[in-house]
Amino acid sequence: MPATGGSAVKLSPAMADDRDVIRFAVSPDGASVAFTCDPVQWTRYELHTVATAGGTAIRISGSVAFDHDVDDFTWSSLSDLVIFRYGRNATGTWNLYSVPARGGQRQQLNPPPVANGAVQPGAGVHLGSAWYLCDCERDELIQAYLAPLPSSVFSDGFEAGATSAWR
């Protein structure tokens, strides 16, 4: 509901009775909400975003394969990316991805883990990097990693395409 009052705004898409939204997070700029839900198939969780004012939710996780899910996720500090774990509960194999908040191609951030290896829950973001824990080199040897994030902002702080300040 808007801070000024009024009616509640439904943000999630229409779903069957046995489907749920299981996680959500408001973007740092307050303009969008990211959430996971299983609108197509029971327990196949996908990642979506929608404006906080309402509208049509956009699936940003890309295609979710059989027996795979999107698990936890977080926003980039600029609200332009969502970072999420995608994988398979049956094998315990999880990878870390980033995707533009308004949709686009997801990009894997971690090196391929060893057999039965996985990015652990609870990845975080600080400025232009994602930090995460993963047993990428040896099974059950969990180490810390830092991965640069793709972004629409140059290192000097200007948005892509906004070059008027350079003149």
N, C-alpha and C. Protein backbone atom coordinates (compact mmCIF):
# COMPACT_ATOMS: atom_id res chain seq x y z
N MET A 1 0.84 -1.17 0.00
CA MET A 1 0.00 0.00 0.00
C MET A 1 0.89 1.24 0.00
N PRO A 2 0.56 2.23 -0.76
CA PRO A 2 1.35 3.45 -0.77
C PRO A 2 1.43 4.08 0.62
N ALA A 3 2.52 4.80 0.90
CA ALA A 3 2.72 5.43 2.21
C ALA A 3 1.62 6.45 2.51
N THR A 4 1.01 6.97 1.47
CA THR A 4 -0.05 7.97 1.65
C THR A 4 -1.40 7.34 1.91
N GLY A 5 -1.45 6.00 1.95
CA GLY A 5 -2.71 5.30 2.16
C GLY A 5 -3.27 4.80 0.85
N GLY A 6 -4.45 4.26 0.92
CA GLY A 6 -5.09 3.76 -0.28
C GLY A 6 -5.21 2.25 -0.24
N SER A 7 -5.49 1.67 -1.38
CA SER A 7 -5.70 0.24 -1.48
C SER A 7 -4.40 -0.52 -1.68
N ALA A 8 -4.39 -1.75 -1.24
CA ALA A 8 -3.24 -2.64 -1.47
C ALA A 8 -3.11 -2.91 -2.96
N VAL A 9 -1.89 -3.12 -3.42
CA VAL A 9 -1.60 -3.41 -4.82
C VAL A 9 -1.06 -4.82 -4.91
N LYS A 10 -1.71 -5.68 -5.69
CA LYS A 10 -1.22 -7.05 -5.88
C LYS A 10 -0.04 -7.01 -6.84
N LEU A 11 1.08 -7.60 -6.44
CA LEU A 11 2.30 -7.56 -7.25
C LEU A 11 2.60 -8.88 -7.94
N SER A 12 2.15 -9.99 -7.39
CA SER A 12 2.46 -11.30 -7.98
C SER A 12 1.43 -11.66 -9.05
N PRO A 13 1.83 -12.52 -10.00
CA PRO A 13 0.92 -12.91 -11.08
C PRO A 13 -0.16 -13.86 -10.56
N ALA A 14 -1.19 -14.05 -11.35
CA ALA A 14 -2.23 -15.02 -11.02
C ALA A 14 -1.62 -16.42 -11.03
N MET A 15 -1.96 -17.21 -10.02
CA MET A 15 -1.40 -18.57 -9.90
C MET A 15 -2.49 -19.52 -9.42
N ALA A 16 -2.29 -20.81 -9.67
CA ALA A 16 -3.21 -21.84 -9.18
C ALA A 16 -3.18 -21.87 -7.65
N ASP A 17 -4.18 -22.51 -7.05
CA ASP A 17 -4.31 -22.55 -5.59
C ASP A 17 -3.11 -23.17 -4.88
N ASP A 18 -2.41 -24.09 -5.52
CA ASP A 18 -1.28 -24.76 -4.85
C ASP A 18 0.07 -24.10 -5.15
N ARG A 19 0.06 -22.85 -5.62
CA ARG A 19 1.28 -22.13 -5.97
C ARG A 19 1.50 -21.01 -4.96
N ASP A 20 2.76 -20.62 -4.78
CA ASP A 20 3.07 -19.62 -3.76
C ASP A 20 4.20 -18.69 -4.16
N VAL A 21 4.18 -17.50 -3.60
CA VAL A 21 5.35 -16.63 -3.55
C VAL A 21 6.06 -17.01 -2.26
N ILE A 22 7.37 -17.35 -2.35
CA ILE A 22 8.05 -17.80 -1.13
C ILE A 22 9.08 -16.81 -0.60
N ARG A 23 9.57 -15.91 -1.42
CA ARG A 23 10.52 -14.88 -0.97
C ARG A 23 10.29 -13.61 -1.77
N PHE A 24 10.55 -12.46 -1.14
CA PHE A 24 10.50 -11.20 -1.87
C PHE A 24 11.44 -10.21 -1.23
N ALA A 25 11.87 -9.22 -2.02
CA ALA A 25 12.75 -8.17 -1.51
C ALA A 25 12.51 -6.91 -2.34
N VAL A 26 12.41 -5.79 -1.66
CA VAL A 26 12.25 -4.50 -2.32
C VAL A 26 13.64 -3.99 -2.72
N SER A 27 13.74 -3.43 -3.91
CA SER A 27 15.02 -2.90 -4.41
C SER A 27 15.49 -1.75 -3.53
N PRO A 28 16.80 -1.50 -3.49
CA PRO A 28 17.33 -0.39 -2.68
C PRO A 28 16.71 0.97 -3.03
N ASP A 29 16.35 1.19 -4.30
CA ASP A 29 15.75 2.48 -4.66
C ASP A 29 14.24 2.50 -4.42
N GLY A 30 13.67 1.38 -4.00
CA GLY A 30 12.25 1.31 -3.67
C GLY A 30 11.32 1.24 -4.86
N ALA A 31 11.85 1.17 -6.08
CA ALA A 31 11.01 1.20 -7.28
C ALA A 31 10.48 -0.17 -7.70
N SER A 32 11.14 -1.25 -7.26
CA SER A 32 10.77 -2.59 -7.73
C SER A 32 10.79 -3.60 -6.59
N VAL A 33 10.14 -4.71 -6.84
CA VAL A 33 10.16 -5.86 -5.93
C VAL A 33 10.60 -7.07 -6.73
N ALA A 34 11.51 -7.85 -6.18
CA ALA A 34 11.88 -9.14 -6.76
C ALA A 34 11.24 -10.21 -5.88
N PHE A 35 10.80 -11.30 -6.50
CA PHE A 35 10.20 -12.38 -5.72
C PHE A 35 10.35 -13.71 -6.45
N THR A 36 10.34 -14.79 -5.69
CA THR A 36 10.34 -16.13 -6.28
C THR A 36 8.96 -16.74 -6.07
N CYS A 37 8.50 -17.43 -7.10
CA CYS A 37 7.21 -18.11 -7.04
C CYS A 37 7.22 -19.27 -8.02
N ASP A 38 6.21 -20.13 -7.90
CA ASP A 38 6.10 -21.29 -8.78
C ASP A 38 4.82 -21.23 -9.61
N PRO A 39 4.69 -20.24 -10.52
CA PRO A 39 3.44 -20.05 -11.24
C PRO A 39 3.15 -21.09 -12.32
N VAL A 40 4.16 -21.74 -12.85
CA VAL A 40 3.97 -22.67 -13.97
C VAL A 40 3.85 -24.11 -13.50
N GLN A 41 4.74 -24.52 -12.64
CA GLN A 41 4.76 -25.90 -12.15
C GLN A 41 5.03 -25.90 -10.66
N TRP A 42 4.31 -26.72 -9.92
CA TRP A 42 4.44 -26.79 -8.48
C TRP A 42 5.89 -27.04 -8.07
N THR A 43 6.41 -26.24 -7.20
CA THR A 43 7.76 -26.26 -6.64
C THR A 43 8.89 -25.98 -7.65
N ARG A 44 8.58 -25.48 -8.82
CA ARG A 44 9.63 -25.02 -9.75
C ARG A 44 9.66 -23.49 -9.65
N TYR A 45 10.54 -23.00 -8.75
CA TYR A 45 10.53 -21.58 -8.42
C TYR A 45 11.33 -20.76 -9.41
N GLU A 46 10.71 -19.67 -9.86
CA GLU A 46 11.28 -18.75 -10.83
C GLU A 46 11.45 -17.39 -10.15
N LEU A 47 12.30 -16.54 -10.71
CA LEU A 47 12.53 -15.21 -10.17
C LEU A 47 11.83 -14.17 -11.06
N HIS A 48 11.10 -13.28 -10.41
CA HIS A 48 10.33 -12.24 -11.11
C HIS A 48 10.62 -10.88 -10.49
N THR A 49 10.40 -9.82 -11.27
CA THR A 49 10.40 -8.46 -10.75
C THR A 49 9.14 -7.76 -11.22
N VAL A 50 8.75 -6.76 -10.44
CA VAL A 50 7.59 -5.94 -10.77
C VAL A 50 7.78 -4.58 -10.11
N ALA A 51 7.22 -3.55 -10.70
CA ALA A 51 7.28 -2.21 -10.10
C ALA A 51 6.46 -2.20 -8.81
N THR A 52 6.91 -1.45 -7.81
CA THR A 52 6.17 -1.38 -6.55
C THR A 52 4.80 -0.73 -6.74
N ALA A 53 4.63 0.03 -7.80
CA ALA A 53 3.33 0.63 -8.11
C ALA A 53 2.37 -0.38 -8.72
N GLY A 54 2.88 -1.57 -9.07
CA GLY A 54 2.06 -2.60 -9.71
C GLY A 54 2.39 -2.73 -11.18
N GLY A 55 1.69 -3.60 -11.83
CA GLY A 55 1.93 -3.86 -13.24
C GLY A 55 2.14 -5.34 -13.47
N THR A 56 2.68 -5.67 -14.63
CA THR A 56 2.90 -7.06 -14.99
C THR A 56 4.27 -7.51 -14.50
N ALA A 57 4.30 -8.60 -13.76
CA ALA A 57 5.56 -9.16 -13.28
C ALA A 57 6.33 -9.75 -14.46
N ILE A 58 7.66 -9.59 -14.44
CA ILE A 58 8.53 -10.08 -15.49
C ILE A 58 9.37 -11.22 -14.93
N ARG A 59 9.35 -12.37 -15.60
CA ARG A 59 10.24 -13.46 -15.19
C ARG A 59 11.64 -13.12 -15.66
N ILE A 60 12.58 -12.98 -14.72
CA ILE A 60 13.95 -12.59 -15.07
C ILE A 60 14.95 -13.73 -14.92
N SER A 61 14.53 -14.84 -14.35
CA SER A 61 15.46 -15.96 -14.13
C SER A 61 15.77 -16.73 -15.40
N GLY A 62 15.03 -16.47 -16.46
CA GLY A 62 15.19 -17.27 -17.67
C GLY A 62 14.47 -18.59 -17.49
N SER A 63 14.66 -19.47 -18.43
CA SER A 63 14.02 -20.78 -18.37
C SER A 63 14.54 -21.57 -17.17
N VAL A 64 13.65 -22.19 -16.45
CA VAL A 64 14.01 -23.01 -15.29
C VAL A 64 13.80 -24.46 -15.68
N ALA A 65 14.89 -25.22 -15.72
CA ALA A 65 14.84 -26.62 -16.17
C ALA A 65 14.08 -27.50 -15.18
N PHE A 66 13.67 -28.67 -15.64
CA PHE A 66 12.99 -29.64 -14.78
C PHE A 66 13.85 -29.92 -13.55
N ASP A 67 13.23 -29.97 -12.39
CA ASP A 67 13.89 -30.32 -11.13
C ASP A 67 14.94 -29.28 -10.71
N HIS A 68 14.82 -28.04 -11.18
CA HIS A 68 15.71 -26.95 -10.81
C HIS A 68 14.87 -25.82 -10.19
N ASP A 69 15.54 -24.92 -9.48
CA ASP A 69 14.86 -23.81 -8.83
C ASP A 69 15.77 -22.60 -8.76
N VAL A 70 15.15 -21.46 -8.54
CA VAL A 70 15.86 -20.28 -8.06
C VAL A 70 15.69 -20.30 -6.56
N ASP A 71 16.80 -20.18 -5.84
CA ASP A 71 16.74 -20.21 -4.39
C ASP A 71 16.82 -18.78 -3.86
N ASP A 72 17.85 -18.42 -3.16
CA ASP A 72 17.92 -17.08 -2.59
C ASP A 72 18.41 -16.07 -3.62
N PHE A 73 18.17 -14.77 -3.33
CA PHE A 73 18.55 -13.71 -4.26
C PHE A 73 18.75 -12.43 -3.48
N THR A 74 19.42 -11.47 -4.11
CA THR A 74 19.63 -10.15 -3.52
C THR A 74 19.72 -9.12 -4.63
N TRP A 75 19.48 -7.87 -4.29
CA TRP A 75 19.59 -6.77 -5.24
C TRP A 75 20.99 -6.20 -5.26
N SER A 76 21.42 -5.67 -6.41
CA SER A 76 22.65 -4.87 -6.45
C SER A 76 22.35 -3.53 -5.77
N SER A 77 23.38 -2.85 -5.32
CA SER A 77 23.19 -1.58 -4.61
C SER A 77 22.57 -0.49 -5.49
N LEU A 78 22.71 -0.62 -6.81
CA LEU A 78 22.13 0.36 -7.73
C LEU A 78 20.74 -0.03 -8.23
N SER A 79 20.22 -1.15 -7.76
CA SER A 79 18.90 -1.66 -8.15
C SER A 79 18.81 -2.04 -9.61
N ASP A 80 19.95 -2.18 -10.30
CA ASP A 80 19.92 -2.52 -11.72
C ASP A 80 20.06 -4.01 -11.99
N LEU A 81 20.53 -4.77 -11.00
CA LEU A 81 20.74 -6.21 -11.15
C LEU A 81 20.12 -6.97 -9.98
N VAL A 82 19.76 -8.21 -10.25
CA VAL A 82 19.39 -9.14 -9.18
C VAL A 82 20.36 -10.30 -9.27
N ILE A 83 20.93 -10.68 -8.13
CA ILE A 83 21.90 -11.76 -8.05
C ILE A 83 21.18 -12.93 -7.39
N PHE A 84 21.28 -14.14 -7.98
CA PHE A 84 20.50 -15.26 -7.46
C PHE A 84 21.24 -16.58 -7.62
N ARG A 85 20.85 -17.55 -6.76
CA ARG A 85 21.34 -18.92 -6.87
C ARG A 85 20.34 -19.73 -7.68
N TYR A 86 20.85 -20.50 -8.63
CA TYR A 86 20.02 -21.35 -9.47
C TYR A 86 20.64 -22.74 -9.45
N GLY A 87 19.83 -23.75 -9.22
CA GLY A 87 20.38 -25.09 -9.19
C GLY A 87 19.34 -26.15 -8.95
N ARG A 88 19.83 -27.24 -8.38
CA ARG A 88 19.02 -28.44 -8.25
C ARG A 88 19.15 -29.01 -6.85
N ASN A 89 18.04 -29.08 -6.13
CA ASN A 89 18.05 -29.64 -4.78
C ASN A 89 18.47 -31.10 -4.76
N ALA A 90 18.07 -31.87 -5.76
CA ALA A 90 18.36 -33.31 -5.76
C ALA A 90 19.85 -33.60 -5.76
N THR A 91 20.64 -32.76 -6.43
CA THR A 91 22.09 -32.99 -6.49
C THR A 91 22.86 -32.03 -5.59
N GLY A 92 22.20 -30.97 -5.14
CA GLY A 92 22.88 -29.98 -4.31
C GLY A 92 23.81 -29.07 -5.10
N THR A 93 23.70 -29.07 -6.42
CA THR A 93 24.55 -28.24 -7.27
C THR A 93 23.87 -26.90 -7.50
N TRP A 94 24.53 -25.81 -7.08
CA TRP A 94 23.98 -24.47 -7.21
C TRP A 94 25.04 -23.53 -7.76
N ASN A 95 24.64 -22.63 -8.66
CA ASN A 95 25.52 -21.62 -9.23
C ASN A 95 24.94 -20.24 -8.96
N LEU A 96 25.79 -19.23 -9.06
CA LEU A 96 25.39 -17.85 -8.80
C LEU A 96 25.32 -17.09 -10.12
N TYR A 97 24.22 -16.36 -10.30
CA TYR A 97 23.99 -15.62 -11.54
C TYR A 97 23.61 -14.18 -11.22
N SER A 98 23.82 -13.30 -12.19
CA SER A 98 23.25 -11.95 -12.14
C SER A 98 22.40 -11.79 -13.39
N VAL A 99 21.40 -10.94 -13.28
CA VAL A 99 20.52 -10.67 -14.41
C VAL A 99 20.01 -9.23 -14.26
N PRO A 100 19.85 -8.51 -15.38
CA PRO A 100 19.27 -7.17 -15.28
C PRO A 100 17.88 -7.23 -14.63
N ALA A 101 17.59 -6.28 -13.79
CA ALA A 101 16.34 -6.28 -13.03
C ALA A 101 15.10 -6.19 -13.92
N ARG A 102 15.24 -5.66 -15.11
CA ARG A 102 14.11 -5.57 -16.03
C ARG A 102 14.08 -6.70 -17.05
N GLY A 103 14.95 -7.70 -16.84
CA GLY A 103 15.00 -8.84 -17.74
C GLY A 103 16.18 -8.77 -18.68
N GLY A 104 16.57 -9.89 -19.19
CA GLY A 104 17.72 -9.98 -20.08
C GLY A 104 18.44 -11.30 -19.87
N GLN A 105 19.63 -11.38 -20.36
CA GLN A 105 20.42 -12.62 -20.28
C GLN A 105 21.05 -12.75 -18.89
N ARG A 106 20.87 -13.90 -18.27
CA ARG A 106 21.54 -14.13 -16.99
C ARG A 106 23.00 -14.49 -17.25
N GLN A 107 23.86 -14.12 -16.31
CA GLN A 107 25.30 -14.35 -16.44
C GLN A 107 25.80 -15.08 -15.21
N GLN A 108 26.47 -16.22 -15.42
CA GLN A 108 27.02 -16.98 -14.30
C GLN A 108 28.22 -16.23 -13.73
N LEU A 109 28.27 -16.11 -12.41
CA LEU A 109 29.33 -15.36 -11.74
C LEU A 109 30.44 -16.23 -11.19
N ASN A 110 30.13 -17.46 -10.83
CA ASN A 110 31.13 -18.35 -10.21
C ASN A 110 31.76 -19.27 -11.24
N PRO A 111 33.01 -19.72 -10.98
CA PRO A 111 33.58 -20.77 -11.84
C PRO A 111 32.79 -22.05 -11.61
N PRO A 112 32.85 -22.99 -12.54
CA PRO A 112 32.11 -24.23 -12.34
C PRO A 112 32.57 -24.94 -11.07
N PRO A 113 31.64 -25.32 -10.19
CA PRO A 113 32.04 -26.04 -8.99
C PRO A 113 32.44 -27.48 -9.32
N VAL A 114 33.16 -28.10 -8.39
CA VAL A 114 33.51 -29.51 -8.55
C VAL A 114 32.23 -30.34 -8.45
N ALA A 115 32.32 -31.63 -8.77
CA ALA A 115 31.15 -32.51 -8.63
C ALA A 115 30.62 -32.40 -7.21
N ASN A 116 29.33 -32.24 -7.08
CA ASN A 116 28.64 -32.07 -5.80
C ASN A 116 28.98 -30.74 -5.12
N GLY A 117 29.69 -29.85 -5.79
CA GLY A 117 30.02 -28.55 -5.23
C GLY A 117 28.88 -27.57 -5.48
N ALA A 118 28.87 -26.48 -4.72
CA ALA A 118 27.78 -25.52 -4.86
C ALA A 118 28.13 -24.18 -4.26
N VAL A 119 27.53 -23.14 -4.82
CA VAL A 119 27.55 -21.83 -4.18
C VAL A 119 26.61 -21.94 -2.99
N GLN A 120 27.07 -21.50 -1.85
CA GLN A 120 26.29 -21.60 -0.61
C GLN A 120 25.25 -20.49 -0.54
N PRO A 121 24.17 -20.68 0.26
CA PRO A 121 23.18 -19.62 0.43
C PRO A 121 23.80 -18.38 1.07
N GLY A 122 23.21 -17.22 0.82
CA GLY A 122 23.61 -16.01 1.50
C GLY A 122 24.63 -15.15 0.78
N ALA A 123 24.66 -15.19 -0.54
CA ALA A 123 25.57 -14.30 -1.28
C ALA A 123 25.22 -12.86 -0.97
N GLY A 124 26.20 -11.99 -1.06
CA GLY A 124 25.97 -10.58 -0.78
C GLY A 124 26.54 -9.71 -1.87
N VAL A 125 26.17 -8.44 -1.84
CA VAL A 125 26.62 -7.48 -2.83
C VAL A 125 27.15 -6.26 -2.11
N HIS A 126 28.30 -5.77 -2.57
CA HIS A 126 28.83 -4.52 -2.07
C HIS A 126 29.37 -3.75 -3.26
N LEU A 127 28.84 -2.57 -3.48
CA LEU A 127 29.20 -1.74 -4.63
C LEU A 127 29.11 -2.57 -5.89
N GLY A 128 30.19 -2.75 -6.64
CA GLY A 128 30.13 -3.43 -7.92
C GLY A 128 30.54 -4.88 -7.89
N SER A 129 30.49 -5.54 -6.73
CA SER A 129 30.92 -6.94 -6.64
C SER A 129 29.93 -7.78 -5.84
N ALA A 130 29.91 -9.05 -6.20
CA ALA A 130 29.14 -10.04 -5.43
C ALA A 130 30.13 -10.89 -4.67
N TRP A 131 29.85 -11.16 -3.41
CA TRP A 131 30.70 -12.06 -2.65
C TRP A 131 29.88 -13.30 -2.32
N TYR A 132 30.55 -14.43 -2.31
CA TYR A 132 29.85 -15.68 -2.08
C TYR A 132 30.83 -16.73 -1.57
N LEU A 133 30.28 -17.80 -1.04
CA LEU A 133 31.05 -18.95 -0.58
C LEU A 133 30.75 -20.12 -1.50
N CYS A 134 31.81 -20.89 -1.87
CA CYS A 134 31.62 -21.99 -2.81
C CYS A 134 32.71 -23.03 -2.63
N ASP A 135 32.36 -24.29 -2.82
CA ASP A 135 33.38 -25.34 -2.90
C ASP A 135 33.63 -25.62 -4.39
N CYS A 136 34.31 -24.67 -5.03
CA CYS A 136 34.59 -24.72 -6.46
C CYS A 136 35.83 -25.55 -6.78
N GLU A 137 36.78 -25.65 -5.85
CA GLU A 137 38.03 -26.36 -6.13
C GLU A 137 38.03 -27.80 -5.66
N ARG A 138 37.48 -28.04 -4.47
CA ARG A 138 37.44 -29.38 -3.90
C ARG A 138 36.15 -29.54 -3.13
N ASP A 139 35.52 -30.73 -3.25
CA ASP A 139 34.28 -30.98 -2.55
C ASP A 139 34.46 -30.77 -1.04
N GLU A 140 33.55 -30.01 -0.47
CA GLU A 140 33.50 -29.70 0.96
C GLU A 140 34.64 -28.80 1.44
N LEU A 141 35.40 -28.19 0.54
CA LEU A 141 36.35 -27.14 0.89
C LEU A 141 35.71 -25.83 0.46
N ILE A 142 35.02 -25.19 1.40
CA ILE A 142 34.27 -23.98 1.09
C ILE A 142 35.18 -22.77 1.28
N GLN A 143 35.28 -21.96 0.22
CA GLN A 143 36.15 -20.79 0.23
C GLN A 143 35.35 -19.55 -0.17
N ALA A 144 35.89 -18.39 0.17
CA ALA A 144 35.24 -17.11 -0.15
C ALA A 144 35.69 -16.63 -1.52
N TYR A 145 34.77 -16.04 -2.26
CA TYR A 145 35.05 -15.50 -3.60
C TYR A 145 34.42 -14.12 -3.72
N LEU A 146 34.97 -13.32 -4.61
CA LEU A 146 34.44 -12.00 -4.95
C LEU A 146 34.38 -11.94 -6.46
N ALA A 147 33.23 -11.60 -7.02
CA ALA A 147 33.07 -11.55 -8.48
C ALA A 147 32.58 -10.17 -8.89
N PRO A 148 33.20 -9.56 -9.92
CA PRO A 148 32.70 -8.27 -10.40
C PRO A 148 31.32 -8.46 -11.04
N LEU A 149 30.48 -7.46 -10.88
CA LEU A 149 29.14 -7.50 -11.46
C LEU A 149 29.10 -6.65 -12.72
N PRO A 150 28.41 -7.14 -13.76
CA PRO A 150 28.17 -6.26 -14.90
C PRO A 150 27.21 -5.17 -14.43
N SER A 151 27.29 -3.98 -15.00
CA SER A 151 26.45 -2.90 -14.53
C SER A 151 26.21 -1.90 -15.64
N SER A 152 25.15 -1.10 -15.47
CA SER A 152 24.86 -0.05 -16.43
C SER A 152 25.53 1.26 -16.03
N VAL A 153 26.36 1.23 -15.00
CA VAL A 153 27.03 2.43 -14.54
C VAL A 153 28.53 2.28 -14.69
N PHE A 154 29.17 3.27 -15.31
CA PHE A 154 30.63 3.26 -15.45
C PHE A 154 31.27 3.52 -14.09
N SER A 155 32.54 3.25 -13.98
CA SER A 155 33.24 3.42 -12.72
C SER A 155 33.26 4.88 -12.25
N ASP A 156 33.02 5.84 -13.16
CA ASP A 156 33.00 7.23 -12.74
C ASP A 156 31.63 7.67 -12.25
N GLY A 157 30.66 6.75 -12.24
CA GLY A 157 29.34 7.04 -11.68
C GLY A 157 28.30 7.52 -12.68
N PHE A 158 28.68 7.78 -13.93
CA PHE A 158 27.70 8.22 -14.91
C PHE A 158 26.98 7.02 -15.49
N GLU A 159 25.67 7.16 -15.72
CA GLU A 159 24.93 6.08 -16.31
C GLU A 159 25.35 5.89 -17.76
N ALA A 160 25.20 4.65 -18.26
CA ALA A 160 25.56 4.34 -19.63
C ALA A 160 24.79 5.27 -20.57
N GLY A 161 25.48 5.86 -21.49
CA GLY A 161 24.86 6.73 -22.47
C GLY A 161 24.72 8.18 -22.03
N ALA A 162 24.97 8.47 -20.75
CA ALA A 162 24.83 9.83 -20.25
C ALA A 162 26.20 10.51 -20.28
N THR A 163 26.56 11.04 -21.43
CA THR A 163 27.91 11.61 -21.59
C THR A 163 27.90 13.13 -21.59
N SER A 164 26.75 13.76 -21.32
CA SER A 164 26.68 15.23 -21.39
C SER A 164 27.64 15.88 -20.39
N ALA A 165 27.94 15.22 -19.27
CA ALA A 165 28.83 15.81 -18.27
C ALA A 165 30.28 15.81 -18.76
N TRP A 166 30.59 15.07 -19.81
CA TRP A 166 31.96 15.00 -20.32
C TRP A 166 32.28 16.14 -21.25
N ARG A 167 31.28 16.88 -21.68
CA ARG A 167 31.48 17.93 -22.69
C ARG A 167 31.95 19.19 -22.06
